[in-house]
Structure formats: structure tokens, C-alpha cells
Protein backbone atom coordinates (compact mmCIF):
# COMPACT_ATOMS: atom_id res chain seq x y z
CA UNK A 1 -41.52 -11.68 67.08
CA UNK A 2 -39.43 -14.93 66.97
CA UNK A 3 -40.17 -15.13 63.55
CA UNK A 4 -39.12 -11.63 62.62
CA UNK A 5 -35.54 -11.88 64.54
CA UNK A 6 -35.14 -15.27 62.69
CA UNK A 7 -35.39 -13.65 59.46
CA UNK A 8 -33.26 -10.75 60.26
CA UNK A 9 -30.63 -12.94 61.66
CA UNK A 10 -30.70 -14.86 58.54
CA UNK A 11 -30.27 -11.81 56.36
CA UNK A 12 -27.05 -10.92 58.42
CA UNK A 13 -25.78 -14.28 57.86
CA UNK A 14 -26.09 -13.97 54.22
CA UNK A 15 -24.42 -10.63 54.02
CA UNK A 16 -21.57 -11.70 56.41
CA UNK A 17 -20.64 -14.43 53.81
CA UNK A 18 -20.92 -12.19 50.85
CA UNK A 19 -19.11 -9.30 52.24
CA UNK A 20 -17.25 -10.23 55.55
CA UNK A 21 -17.19 -7.90 58.45
CA UNK A 22 -14.11 -5.71 58.17
CA UNK A 23 -13.74 -6.37 54.54
CA UNK A 24 -12.08 -3.52 52.41
CA UNK A 25 -14.85 -4.15 49.95
CA UNK A 26 -17.45 -2.97 52.20
CA UNK A 27 -15.99 0.43 52.45
CA UNK A 28 -13.30 1.16 50.18
CA UNK A 29 -13.22 4.89 50.62
CA UNK A 30 -13.23 4.83 54.27
CA UNK A 31 -9.58 3.09 54.37
CA UNK A 32 -6.74 5.52 53.82
CA UNK A 33 -4.29 4.37 51.23
CA UNK A 34 -0.51 4.89 52.73
CA UNK A 35 1.71 7.18 50.43
CA UNK A 36 4.29 5.41 48.16
CA UNK A 37 7.47 4.87 49.91
CA UNK A 38 10.58 6.68 47.80
CA UNK A 39 12.83 4.09 46.29
CA UNK A 40 15.76 3.72 48.36
CA UNK A 41 19.12 2.50 47.24
CA UNK A 42 20.48 -0.83 48.28
CA UNK A 43 24.01 -0.83 47.37
CA UNK A 44 26.57 -1.21 50.03
CA UNK A 45 28.67 1.71 51.26
CA UNK A 46 31.34 2.88 48.98
CA UNK A 47 34.28 0.69 49.32
CA UNK A 48 37.19 2.01 51.01
CA UNK A 49 40.49 2.64 48.87
CA UNK A 50 42.31 -0.52 48.25
CA UNK A 51 44.42 -2.23 45.52
CA UNK A 52 42.53 -5.03 43.67
CA UNK A 53 41.71 -6.45 40.27
CA UNK A 54 38.27 -7.14 40.02
CA UNK A 55 36.85 -6.62 36.44
CA UNK A 56 33.98 -3.89 36.42
CA UNK A 57 30.15 -5.02 36.04
CA UNK A 58 29.20 -2.22 33.65
CA UNK A 59 31.86 -2.56 31.22
CA UNK A 60 29.62 -2.50 27.89
CA UNK A 61 30.64 0.52 25.57
CA UNK A 62 27.33 1.68 25.79
CA UNK A 63 27.61 2.15 29.60
CA UNK A 64 30.83 4.46 29.48
CA UNK A 65 29.26 7.16 31.54
CA UNK A 66 28.49 4.79 34.61
CA UNK A 67 31.34 2.26 34.38
CA UNK A 68 33.10 2.41 37.82
CA UNK A 69 36.80 2.58 37.59
CA UNK A 70 38.99 2.98 40.63
CA UNK A 71 41.87 1.27 42.50
CA UNK A 72 39.54 -1.88 43.09
CA UNK A 73 37.60 -1.95 39.53
CA UNK A 74 39.07 -2.17 35.89
CA UNK A 75 38.51 -2.67 32.42
CA UNK A 76 39.63 -5.89 30.53
CA UNK A 77 42.51 -6.01 28.69
CA UNK A 78 40.45 -6.20 25.57
CA UNK A 79 38.64 -3.00 26.15
CA UNK A 80 39.61 -1.07 23.17
CA UNK A 81 36.67 1.34 21.53
CA UNK A 82 36.23 1.20 17.81
CA UNK A 83 34.73 4.63 17.59
CA UNK A 84 37.78 6.79 18.35
CA UNK A 85 38.06 10.15 16.59
CA UNK A 86 40.68 12.87 16.65
CA UNK A 87 39.92 15.66 19.17
CA UNK A 88 40.59 18.17 16.80
CA UNK A 89 42.34 20.04 19.46
CA UNK A 90 45.92 21.54 20.10
CA UNK A 91 47.89 18.56 21.65
CA UNK A 92 46.14 15.95 19.32
CA UNK A 93 44.41 12.73 21.03
CA UNK A 94 41.92 10.58 20.41
CA UNK A 95 38.43 10.14 22.06
CA UNK A 96 35.06 8.08 21.56
CA UNK A 97 32.75 9.78 18.84
CA UNK A 98 30.06 10.07 21.29
CA UNK A 99 32.00 12.71 23.35
CA UNK A 100 33.08 14.85 20.23
CA UNK A 101 30.34 17.32 19.94
CA UNK A 102 30.13 18.30 23.36
CA UNK A 103 34.09 18.61 23.65
CA UNK A 104 33.81 21.01 20.42
CA UNK A 105 30.95 22.75 21.98
CA UNK A 106 33.08 23.27 25.29
CA UNK A 107 35.88 24.42 23.23
CA UNK A 108 34.03 27.13 21.53
CA UNK A 109 32.46 28.29 25.09
CA UNK A 110 35.96 28.20 26.52
CA UNK A 111 37.45 30.45 23.57
CA UNK A 112 34.55 32.88 23.87
CA UNK A 113 35.29 33.35 27.39
CA UNK A 114 38.90 33.64 26.81
CA UNK A 115 39.81 30.57 28.58
CA UNK A 116 40.98 28.26 25.83
CA UNK A 117 42.31 24.75 26.44
CA UNK A 118 44.56 22.22 24.91
CA UNK A 119 44.86 18.51 25.45
CA UNK A 120 47.57 16.99 27.34
CA UNK A 121 46.56 13.37 26.99
CA UNK A 122 43.30 11.54 25.68
CA UNK A 123 42.65 7.74 25.24
CA UNK A 124 45.15 5.31 26.38
CA UNK A 125 45.17 1.67 25.79
CA UNK A 126 45.45 -1.17 28.42
CA UNK A 127 49.26 -1.63 26.98
CA UNK A 128 50.18 2.25 27.34
CA UNK A 129 48.82 2.85 30.92
CA UNK A 130 50.87 -0.20 31.79
CA UNK A 131 53.95 1.45 30.45
CA UNK A 132 53.26 4.80 32.16
CA UNK A 133 52.65 3.22 35.31
CA UNK A 134 55.83 1.37 35.44
CA UNK A 135 57.86 4.23 34.22
CA UNK A 136 56.35 6.15 37.25
CA UNK A 137 57.40 3.34 39.85
CA UNK A 138 60.77 3.53 38.10
CA UNK A 139 60.98 7.71 38.96
CA UNK A 140 59.01 8.08 42.04
CA UNK A 141 58.70 4.66 43.57
CA UNK A 142 55.72 2.51 44.02
CA UNK A 143 53.84 4.16 46.58
CA UNK A 144 53.70 7.50 44.77
CA UNK A 145 52.67 5.80 41.57
CA UNK A 146 49.73 4.22 43.12
CA UNK A 147 48.39 7.82 44.19
CA UNK A 148 49.14 9.37 41.00
CA UNK A 149 48.95 6.90 38.27
CA UNK A 150 46.22 4.31 37.42
CA UNK A 151 47.49 0.89 37.00
CA UNK A 152 46.77 -0.70 33.85
CA UNK A 153 42.71 -1.32 33.25
CA UNK A 154 41.87 1.16 36.03
CA UNK A 155 42.47 4.12 34.18
CA UNK A 156 39.60 6.03 32.74
CA UNK A 157 41.23 7.10 29.83
CA UNK A 158 40.98 3.54 28.60
CA UNK A 159 37.21 4.33 28.28
CA UNK A 160 38.02 6.73 25.44
CA UNK A 161 36.06 9.22 27.35
CA UNK A 162 38.79 10.91 29.33
CA UNK A 163 40.78 13.92 28.87
CA UNK A 164 43.69 15.57 30.57
CA UNK A 165 43.60 19.17 29.90
CA UNK A 166 46.01 21.70 29.88
CA UNK A 167 46.28 25.55 28.88
CA UNK A 168 46.40 26.52 25.49
CA UNK A 169 49.56 28.65 26.05
CA UNK A 170 51.03 25.81 28.26
CA UNK A 171 50.95 28.06 31.52
CA UNK A 172 51.00 26.10 34.96
CA UNK A 173 49.53 25.05 37.38
CA UNK A 174 46.39 24.13 35.53
CA UNK A 175 43.77 24.91 38.36
CA UNK A 176 44.77 28.45 38.49
CA UNK A 177 44.83 29.46 34.78
CA UNK A 178 41.96 31.00 32.82
CA UNK A 179 41.37 27.40 31.21
CA UNK A 180 41.48 25.64 34.46
CA UNK A 181 39.23 28.01 36.48
CA UNK A 182 36.73 28.27 33.67
CA UNK A 183 36.51 24.48 33.30
CA UNK A 184 36.07 23.68 36.81
CA UNK A 185 32.79 26.05 36.83
CA UNK A 186 31.47 24.97 33.66
CA UNK A 187 32.76 21.94 32.00
CA UNK A 188 29.79 19.73 33.57
CA UNK A 189 27.32 21.81 31.53
CA UNK A 190 29.01 20.28 28.45
CA UNK A 191 28.96 16.61 29.83
CA UNK A 192 32.55 16.51 31.58
CA UNK A 193 32.91 16.02 35.22
CA UNK A 194 36.45 16.37 37.21
CA UNK A 195 36.85 13.01 38.60
CA UNK A 196 39.50 13.51 41.12
CA UNK A 197 38.54 17.07 43.01
CA UNK A 198 40.55 18.70 45.71
CA UNK A 199 40.12 17.02 48.99
CA UNK A 200 38.52 14.05 48.02
CA UNK A 201 41.53 11.80 47.70
CA UNK A 202 39.83 9.63 50.59
CA UNK A 203 37.01 8.64 48.32
CA UNK A 204 38.52 9.22 44.92
CA UNK A 205 41.49 6.94 45.80
CA UNK A 206 43.69 9.33 43.74
CA UNK A 207 45.60 12.74 44.24
CA UNK A 208 43.86 15.87 43.19
CA UNK A 209 44.11 16.25 39.37
CA UNK A 210 42.20 19.62 38.13
CA UNK A 211 43.18 18.78 34.83
CA UNK A 212 41.51 15.45 34.61
CA UNK A 213 37.85 15.17 32.97
CA UNK A 214 35.70 12.18 32.12
CA UNK A 215 32.68 12.66 29.50
CA UNK A 216 29.68 11.20 31.04
CA UNK A 217 27.32 13.02 28.80
CA UNK A 218 25.24 16.44 29.66
CA UNK A 219 22.19 14.57 31.61
CA UNK A 220 24.44 12.51 33.85
CA UNK A 221 26.94 15.47 34.47
CA UNK A 222 24.24 17.57 35.66
CA UNK A 223 23.07 15.02 38.22
CA UNK A 224 26.72 14.53 39.44
CA UNK A 225 27.27 18.31 39.69
CA UNK A 226 24.20 18.94 41.90
CA UNK A 227 24.74 15.85 43.84
CA UNK A 228 27.35 17.30 45.37
CA UNK A 229 29.34 13.73 45.04
CA UNK A 230 32.28 12.79 43.33
CA UNK A 231 32.00 10.65 40.23
CA UNK A 232 32.82 7.55 41.80
CA UNK A 233 30.44 7.99 44.86
CA UNK A 234 27.62 8.95 42.51
CA UNK A 235 28.30 5.73 40.32
CA UNK A 236 28.56 3.61 43.27
CA UNK A 237 25.40 5.25 44.95
CA UNK A 238 23.32 4.60 41.86
CA UNK A 239 24.58 1.56 39.87
CA UNK A 240 26.97 -0.27 42.35
CA UNK A 241 30.31 -1.89 40.91
């Protein structure tokens, strides 16, 4: 009997060395595998509006859709797209070639809907924006200028992918024209997002501008639209500065 017990203990000892008690290898199917955790965004909360001059991190020309520009982050003076082309619309102006096809598609759709639009302002260089800001300060004071005109480097127009639109017949205010109403409802379908919507000044840092749209491409515009966030909030949440 003692011999049998001894042999049994020896076998148990050998098994415990090869496959330790409690090892996953011993019974892999009996151990539940936890579900994968969803990816979380690790960026800090959206910065409150203030006036700083930090060069934005995503400033490569290829990152035009996610370049963060606001009252804090800016483009360098030397940022000047080399692929600018004429908009081809009433009002003229230039935009980057990457945005032209969707601008033309949006124009055709707006015409078909009886909501034709025109261009008020398109690409602006760093120096041109500096002139506009100084002029606004001179006529309305610095406090008003800061809320309504971006300082040089902080304007989305310098990207070459932003346009201030107007109604084709010049009617105002733009928001209540057929063009303004149509664009608010449909521009995102063609890759254009309203940067400064109504009631969002606390997070966009600028006054409501129903005429100002920025091209980010159809895929990105769809994501922004369905997120319910402003463009500034969306870029910060997904990419940071």
C-alpha cells in the first residue's frame, strides 16, 4: 500500500512541475477572456478661450482637415499653400485644389435647389489677415475685433480651405437667405462644415458666423456633423492641438 501511495505522489509531483496547479495551460477554455475595452481619448479638456500664440502641432499641408486653429493656436507666418486655384464662383477668390471638386459639386446642388451662393472671401495670407484685424481694431475697438476677426495666423482662411459665402443676389442676412438655409442643412454632405455656429461662442471663441465654412472632406465632415460637436471641439477631442 505504501508503495502505491509513493508512486501516486511521485506522479502528482511530476505533473505539478510540468503543468503547475492553477496554470492557464491546464484548462484554457475554462477561463473567461475579458472583453476588449473601447479606446478612450486621452486629451485634456478643451481649453477655455484665451488669446495666446502657440504654433499648432498639426500644421502640415496634408493635415488641413484636422489643423486646430482658434484664439490660442495659430499657423506660422510662412504657411502658404502652393496649390491654390480659383474658386470659379461669383466673388472669385482662391482655395486649395483639394477642395475644388466638392465646392463645385455643392454649387451644382445648391443651384438645383434654387439656393445659389457666391464667395465673399476665400484664402487670405498671414499678412492680409493682419491688415484686416488692424482695420477692425481701428473702426470698432480691440474687444470687438478679437471676437469677430481672427488675428494673423489664427484664421482658417490661411489654410486655403475656408470660405465666407454670401447669397448670389447679395441679400442679407445670409443665415435667412435660401443659400444660407440650404448650406446649413447640406454643406456637410460635400465636406464643408460651419466653423462658428449659433450659440457656441463659448467653445468656438468667435461670434456666430453663418457664412463661414471650412472644408475638411466628406468623411470628416460627416463625422463632425453626427457628433453634434463644433469643429473645434471635434478636432481637439480626436487629435488635440
